[in-house]
Amino acid sequence: MADTPKEKAATETVDIPTEDVEKAAKLILDPGYVTKKDLPKMADLAWATALSDAVTKHFLNDDDDHDPYVYFEQFDFAGGDIDSVIFNMDIVKTRDEALHDLADALDEKIVNNEVQQTTY
């Protein structure tokens, strides 16, 4: 007899204050990204993810003047730090550019994953 599926664990709801959404939305428009330096609570992945969702909804539902392509990404840095960035792909054109902007904003060192290989 097949087991009955267990109920999914309740998902934690993260409340994002309106003023944080508005601050992030303003930064998404200029300079094009927001980091934990701007909103320290972004150090928490669940909060940063919820903020990204809230900012996207803000532009879809509450801002008829702007329609940025909002993107959320996490990057690894030297020393094991993992940090989040929410960026506007109309301004920050690539993930690589977002990585460098985040590294500069947080004074982090980018991990170089290039492999040095000699062919014999």
N, C-alpha and C. Protein backbone atom coordinates (compact mmCIF):
# COMPACT_ATOMS: atom_id res chain seq x y z
N MET A 1 0.83 -1.16 0.00
CA MET A 1 0.00 0.00 0.00
C MET A 1 0.89 1.25 0.00
N ALA A 2 0.54 2.21 -0.82
CA ALA A 2 1.34 3.44 -0.95
C ALA A 2 1.17 4.32 0.28
N ASP A 3 2.25 4.97 0.62
CA ASP A 3 2.19 5.91 1.74
C ASP A 3 1.45 7.18 1.31
N THR A 4 0.74 7.75 2.24
CA THR A 4 0.09 9.03 1.95
C THR A 4 1.13 10.14 2.08
N PRO A 5 1.09 11.11 1.16
CA PRO A 5 2.08 12.20 1.25
C PRO A 5 1.92 12.95 2.56
N LYS A 6 3.04 13.26 3.15
CA LYS A 6 3.02 14.02 4.39
C LYS A 6 2.75 15.49 4.06
N GLU A 7 2.11 16.15 4.99
CA GLU A 7 1.84 17.57 4.77
C GLU A 7 3.16 18.32 4.70
N LYS A 8 3.19 19.26 3.79
CA LYS A 8 4.40 20.07 3.65
C LYS A 8 4.56 20.94 4.88
N ALA A 9 5.79 21.10 5.29
CA ALA A 9 6.07 21.96 6.44
C ALA A 9 5.63 23.38 6.12
N ALA A 10 5.10 24.05 7.10
CA ALA A 10 4.66 25.43 6.90
C ALA A 10 5.85 26.29 6.50
N THR A 11 5.65 27.08 5.46
CA THR A 11 6.71 27.96 4.98
C THR A 11 6.71 29.23 5.81
N GLU A 12 7.88 29.63 6.20
CA GLU A 12 8.02 30.85 6.99
C GLU A 12 7.69 32.06 6.12
N THR A 13 6.83 32.91 6.63
CA THR A 13 6.48 34.13 5.91
C THR A 13 7.39 35.24 6.39
N VAL A 14 7.98 35.94 5.46
CA VAL A 14 8.88 37.05 5.79
C VAL A 14 8.16 38.34 5.41
N ASP A 15 7.99 39.19 6.39
CA ASP A 15 7.36 40.49 6.14
C ASP A 15 8.44 41.50 5.78
N ILE A 16 8.25 42.14 4.65
CA ILE A 16 9.18 43.17 4.19
C ILE A 16 8.50 44.53 4.37
N PRO A 17 9.06 45.40 5.20
CA PRO A 17 8.46 46.72 5.38
C PRO A 17 8.40 47.51 4.08
N THR A 18 7.34 48.27 3.91
CA THR A 18 7.14 49.08 2.70
C THR A 18 8.32 50.00 2.44
N GLU A 19 8.87 50.58 3.50
CA GLU A 19 9.99 51.51 3.31
C GLU A 19 11.23 50.79 2.76
N ASP A 20 11.41 49.50 3.11
CA ASP A 20 12.53 48.73 2.55
C ASP A 20 12.29 48.43 1.08
N VAL A 21 11.05 48.12 0.72
CA VAL A 21 10.72 47.87 -0.69
C VAL A 21 10.95 49.14 -1.50
N GLU A 22 10.51 50.27 -0.98
CA GLU A 22 10.67 51.53 -1.70
C GLU A 22 12.14 51.93 -1.84
N LYS A 23 12.92 51.71 -0.77
CA LYS A 23 14.36 52.01 -0.84
C LYS A 23 15.04 51.12 -1.88
N ALA A 24 14.73 49.82 -1.85
CA ALA A 24 15.32 48.89 -2.81
C ALA A 24 14.90 49.25 -4.24
N ALA A 25 13.64 49.59 -4.43
CA ALA A 25 13.15 49.94 -5.77
C ALA A 25 13.88 51.17 -6.31
N LYS A 26 14.11 52.14 -5.44
CA LYS A 26 14.84 53.35 -5.86
C LYS A 26 16.27 52.99 -6.27
N LEU A 27 16.92 52.12 -5.50
CA LEU A 27 18.29 51.71 -5.83
C LEU A 27 18.34 50.86 -7.10
N ILE A 28 17.31 50.05 -7.33
CA ILE A 28 17.25 49.24 -8.55
C ILE A 28 17.24 50.15 -9.78
N LEU A 29 16.63 51.32 -9.64
CA LEU A 29 16.59 52.27 -10.76
C LEU A 29 17.89 53.05 -10.89
N ASP A 30 18.57 53.31 -9.78
CA ASP A 30 19.85 54.02 -9.80
C ASP A 30 20.55 53.78 -8.47
N PRO A 31 21.62 53.07 -8.43
CA PRO A 31 22.59 52.74 -9.47
C PRO A 31 22.31 51.47 -10.27
N GLY A 32 21.25 50.73 -9.91
CA GLY A 32 20.94 49.52 -10.67
C GLY A 32 20.98 48.26 -9.84
N TYR A 33 21.32 48.37 -8.56
CA TYR A 33 21.39 47.17 -7.71
C TYR A 33 21.24 47.57 -6.24
N VAL A 34 20.92 46.56 -5.42
CA VAL A 34 20.82 46.75 -3.98
C VAL A 34 21.52 45.58 -3.30
N THR A 35 22.26 45.86 -2.23
CA THR A 35 23.03 44.85 -1.50
C THR A 35 22.76 44.98 0.00
N LYS A 36 23.39 44.11 0.78
CA LYS A 36 23.25 44.18 2.23
C LYS A 36 23.91 45.45 2.80
N LYS A 37 24.74 46.09 2.02
CA LYS A 37 25.31 47.36 2.46
C LYS A 37 24.19 48.42 2.52
N ASP A 38 23.24 48.31 1.61
CA ASP A 38 22.11 49.25 1.57
C ASP A 38 21.02 48.85 2.57
N LEU A 39 20.75 47.56 2.63
CA LEU A 39 19.74 46.99 3.53
C LEU A 39 20.36 45.79 4.23
N PRO A 40 20.92 45.98 5.42
CA PRO A 40 21.66 44.92 6.11
C PRO A 40 20.89 43.61 6.29
N LYS A 41 19.56 43.66 6.33
CA LYS A 41 18.78 42.42 6.49
C LYS A 41 18.95 41.49 5.29
N MET A 42 19.51 41.99 4.19
CA MET A 42 19.76 41.13 3.02
C MET A 42 20.81 40.07 3.30
N ALA A 43 21.48 40.15 4.43
CA ALA A 43 22.45 39.11 4.81
C ALA A 43 21.73 37.78 5.04
N ASP A 44 20.43 37.84 5.35
CA ASP A 44 19.61 36.65 5.53
C ASP A 44 18.99 36.26 4.18
N LEU A 45 19.26 35.05 3.71
CA LEU A 45 18.79 34.61 2.40
C LEU A 45 17.28 34.67 2.26
N ALA A 46 16.55 34.22 3.28
CA ALA A 46 15.09 34.24 3.20
C ALA A 46 14.58 35.67 3.07
N TRP A 47 15.18 36.58 3.81
CA TRP A 47 14.76 37.98 3.74
C TRP A 47 15.10 38.58 2.38
N ALA A 48 16.29 38.31 1.88
CA ALA A 48 16.71 38.85 0.58
C ALA A 48 15.82 38.32 -0.54
N THR A 49 15.46 37.05 -0.46
CA THR A 49 14.58 36.45 -1.47
C THR A 49 13.20 37.09 -1.42
N ALA A 50 12.68 37.28 -0.21
CA ALA A 50 11.37 37.91 -0.05
C ALA A 50 11.41 39.36 -0.53
N LEU A 51 12.52 40.06 -0.28
CA LEU A 51 12.66 41.43 -0.76
C LEU A 51 12.65 41.46 -2.29
N SER A 52 13.35 40.54 -2.91
CA SER A 52 13.36 40.47 -4.37
C SER A 52 11.94 40.29 -4.91
N ASP A 53 11.19 39.39 -4.30
CA ASP A 53 9.80 39.17 -4.72
C ASP A 53 8.96 40.43 -4.52
N ALA A 54 9.15 41.09 -3.38
CA ALA A 54 8.38 42.30 -3.07
C ALA A 54 8.71 43.44 -4.04
N VAL A 55 9.99 43.57 -4.39
CA VAL A 55 10.40 44.63 -5.33
C VAL A 55 9.82 44.34 -6.72
N THR A 56 9.86 43.09 -7.13
CA THR A 56 9.28 42.73 -8.43
C THR A 56 7.79 43.06 -8.45
N LYS A 57 7.07 42.69 -7.40
CA LYS A 57 5.63 43.00 -7.31
C LYS A 57 5.40 44.51 -7.30
N HIS A 58 6.28 45.25 -6.63
CA HIS A 58 6.17 46.71 -6.60
C HIS A 58 6.19 47.27 -8.02
N PHE A 59 7.15 46.84 -8.82
CA PHE A 59 7.24 47.36 -10.18
C PHE A 59 6.08 46.88 -11.05
N LEU A 60 5.59 45.68 -10.82
CA LEU A 60 4.47 45.17 -11.60
C LEU A 60 3.15 45.84 -11.24
N ASN A 61 2.95 46.12 -9.95
CA ASN A 61 1.64 46.58 -9.49
C ASN A 61 1.55 48.04 -9.09
N ASP A 62 2.67 48.64 -8.66
CA ASP A 62 2.59 49.96 -8.04
C ASP A 62 3.38 51.05 -8.74
N ASP A 63 4.10 50.72 -9.78
CA ASP A 63 4.95 51.72 -10.45
C ASP A 63 4.71 51.63 -11.95
N ASP A 64 3.81 52.49 -12.43
CA ASP A 64 3.49 52.48 -13.87
C ASP A 64 4.56 53.16 -14.72
N ASP A 65 5.49 53.87 -14.08
CA ASP A 65 6.50 54.62 -14.82
C ASP A 65 7.77 53.83 -15.13
N HIS A 66 7.96 52.70 -14.43
CA HIS A 66 9.20 51.93 -14.60
C HIS A 66 8.88 50.45 -14.77
N ASP A 67 9.67 49.79 -15.58
CA ASP A 67 9.49 48.36 -15.83
C ASP A 67 10.85 47.68 -15.94
N PRO A 68 11.65 47.73 -14.85
CA PRO A 68 12.98 47.12 -14.93
C PRO A 68 12.90 45.59 -14.90
N TYR A 69 13.90 44.97 -15.47
CA TYR A 69 14.04 43.51 -15.40
C TYR A 69 14.83 43.22 -14.13
N VAL A 70 14.10 42.91 -13.05
CA VAL A 70 14.70 42.70 -11.73
C VAL A 70 15.17 41.25 -11.62
N TYR A 71 16.40 41.06 -11.17
CA TYR A 71 17.00 39.74 -11.07
C TYR A 71 17.68 39.59 -9.71
N PHE A 72 17.56 38.42 -9.11
CA PHE A 72 18.16 38.12 -7.81
C PHE A 72 19.24 37.06 -8.01
N GLU A 73 20.38 37.27 -7.36
CA GLU A 73 21.48 36.31 -7.50
C GLU A 73 22.31 36.29 -6.23
N GLN A 74 22.90 35.13 -5.96
CA GLN A 74 23.87 34.99 -4.88
C GLN A 74 25.22 34.62 -5.48
N PHE A 75 26.28 35.13 -4.86
CA PHE A 75 27.62 34.85 -5.34
C PHE A 75 28.51 34.43 -4.18
N ASP A 76 29.46 33.55 -4.49
CA ASP A 76 30.49 33.12 -3.52
C ASP A 76 31.71 34.02 -3.69
N PHE A 77 32.32 34.32 -2.55
CA PHE A 77 33.54 35.12 -2.57
C PHE A 77 34.64 34.40 -1.82
N ALA A 78 35.87 34.87 -2.00
CA ALA A 78 37.02 34.29 -1.32
C ALA A 78 36.76 34.30 0.18
N GLY A 79 37.17 33.24 0.86
CA GLY A 79 36.95 33.15 2.29
C GLY A 79 35.62 32.51 2.66
N GLY A 80 34.83 32.15 1.65
CA GLY A 80 33.58 31.46 1.91
C GLY A 80 32.35 32.33 2.08
N ASP A 81 32.49 33.65 1.94
CA ASP A 81 31.33 34.53 2.06
C ASP A 81 30.39 34.31 0.88
N ILE A 82 29.10 34.28 1.18
CA ILE A 82 28.08 34.21 0.14
C ILE A 82 27.17 35.42 0.35
N ASP A 83 27.01 36.23 -0.67
CA ASP A 83 26.20 37.43 -0.56
C ASP A 83 25.22 37.53 -1.71
N SER A 84 24.14 38.26 -1.44
CA SER A 84 23.05 38.42 -2.41
C SER A 84 23.05 39.81 -3.02
N VAL A 85 22.56 39.86 -4.24
CA VAL A 85 22.37 41.13 -4.92
C VAL A 85 21.05 41.05 -5.70
N ILE A 86 20.31 42.12 -5.67
CA ILE A 86 19.13 42.27 -6.53
C ILE A 86 19.51 43.36 -7.50
N PHE A 87 19.39 43.06 -8.80
CA PHE A 87 19.86 44.06 -9.76
C PHE A 87 18.91 44.21 -10.94
N ASN A 88 19.08 45.31 -11.63
CA ASN A 88 18.27 45.70 -12.77
C ASN A 88 19.06 45.35 -14.03
N MET A 89 18.61 44.33 -14.74
CA MET A 89 19.35 43.88 -15.93
C MET A 89 19.29 44.87 -17.09
N ASP A 90 18.48 45.91 -16.97
CA ASP A 90 18.49 46.97 -17.97
C ASP A 90 19.70 47.89 -17.75
N ILE A 91 20.25 47.87 -16.53
CA ILE A 91 21.42 48.71 -16.19
C ILE A 91 22.66 47.83 -16.03
N VAL A 92 22.54 46.80 -15.21
CA VAL A 92 23.63 45.84 -14.98
C VAL A 92 23.35 44.69 -15.95
N LYS A 93 24.05 44.67 -17.05
CA LYS A 93 23.68 43.82 -18.20
C LYS A 93 23.95 42.33 -18.04
N THR A 94 24.91 41.95 -17.19
CA THR A 94 25.27 40.54 -17.08
C THR A 94 25.44 40.14 -15.62
N ARG A 95 25.40 38.83 -15.39
CA ARG A 95 25.66 38.31 -14.05
C ARG A 95 27.09 38.64 -13.63
N ASP A 96 28.02 38.60 -14.57
CA ASP A 96 29.41 38.91 -14.27
C ASP A 96 29.55 40.36 -13.80
N GLU A 97 28.85 41.26 -14.46
CA GLU A 97 28.88 42.67 -14.05
C GLU A 97 28.25 42.81 -12.65
N ALA A 98 27.18 42.07 -12.38
CA ALA A 98 26.55 42.10 -11.06
C ALA A 98 27.52 41.58 -10.00
N LEU A 99 28.25 40.52 -10.31
CA LEU A 99 29.26 39.98 -9.40
C LEU A 99 30.28 41.05 -9.04
N HIS A 100 30.79 41.75 -10.03
CA HIS A 100 31.80 42.78 -9.79
C HIS A 100 31.23 43.96 -9.02
N ASP A 101 30.00 44.37 -9.34
CA ASP A 101 29.37 45.45 -8.59
C ASP A 101 29.20 45.07 -7.12
N LEU A 102 28.75 43.83 -6.88
CA LEU A 102 28.56 43.36 -5.51
C LEU A 102 29.90 43.29 -4.77
N ALA A 103 30.91 42.76 -5.43
CA ALA A 103 32.24 42.67 -4.82
C ALA A 103 32.76 44.06 -4.46
N ASP A 104 32.60 45.01 -5.36
CA ASP A 104 33.05 46.38 -5.09
C ASP A 104 32.27 47.00 -3.94
N ALA A 105 30.95 46.81 -3.94
CA ALA A 105 30.10 47.40 -2.90
C ALA A 105 30.42 46.85 -1.52
N LEU A 106 30.74 45.56 -1.45
CA LEU A 106 30.97 44.92 -0.16
C LEU A 106 32.44 44.72 0.16
N ASP A 107 33.31 45.20 -0.71
CA ASP A 107 34.76 45.05 -0.55
C ASP A 107 35.14 43.57 -0.39
N GLU A 108 34.61 42.75 -1.27
CA GLU A 108 34.88 41.31 -1.28
C GLU A 108 35.84 40.97 -2.41
N LYS A 109 36.54 39.85 -2.25
CA LYS A 109 37.45 39.37 -3.28
C LYS A 109 36.77 38.26 -4.07
N ILE A 110 36.75 38.39 -5.37
CA ILE A 110 36.13 37.41 -6.25
C ILE A 110 37.01 36.17 -6.34
N VAL A 111 36.37 35.01 -6.25
CA VAL A 111 37.08 33.74 -6.40
C VAL A 111 37.36 33.54 -7.87
N ASN A 112 38.61 33.25 -8.19
CA ASN A 112 38.98 32.99 -9.58
C ASN A 112 38.90 31.49 -9.82
N ASN A 113 37.93 31.07 -10.61
CA ASN A 113 37.72 29.64 -10.86
C ASN A 113 38.39 29.15 -12.14
N GLU A 114 39.20 30.00 -12.74
CA GLU A 114 39.87 29.57 -13.97
C GLU A 114 40.91 28.51 -13.65
N VAL A 115 40.96 27.49 -14.47
CA VAL A 115 41.91 26.39 -14.27
C VAL A 115 43.11 26.62 -15.17
N GLN A 116 44.29 26.61 -14.56
CA GLN A 116 45.52 26.72 -15.35
C GLN A 116 45.90 25.30 -15.78
N GLN A 117 45.98 25.09 -17.08
CA GLN A 117 46.28 23.77 -17.58
C GLN A 117 47.34 23.85 -18.66
N THR A 118 48.32 22.97 -18.57
CA THR A 118 49.36 22.91 -19.58
C THR A 118 49.12 21.68 -20.44
N THR A 119 49.16 21.88 -21.73
CA THR A 119 48.99 20.76 -22.65
C THR A 119 50.38 20.29 -23.09
N TYR A 120 50.61 18.99 -23.03
CA TYR A 120 51.92 18.44 -23.39
C TYR A 120 51.88 17.84 -24.75
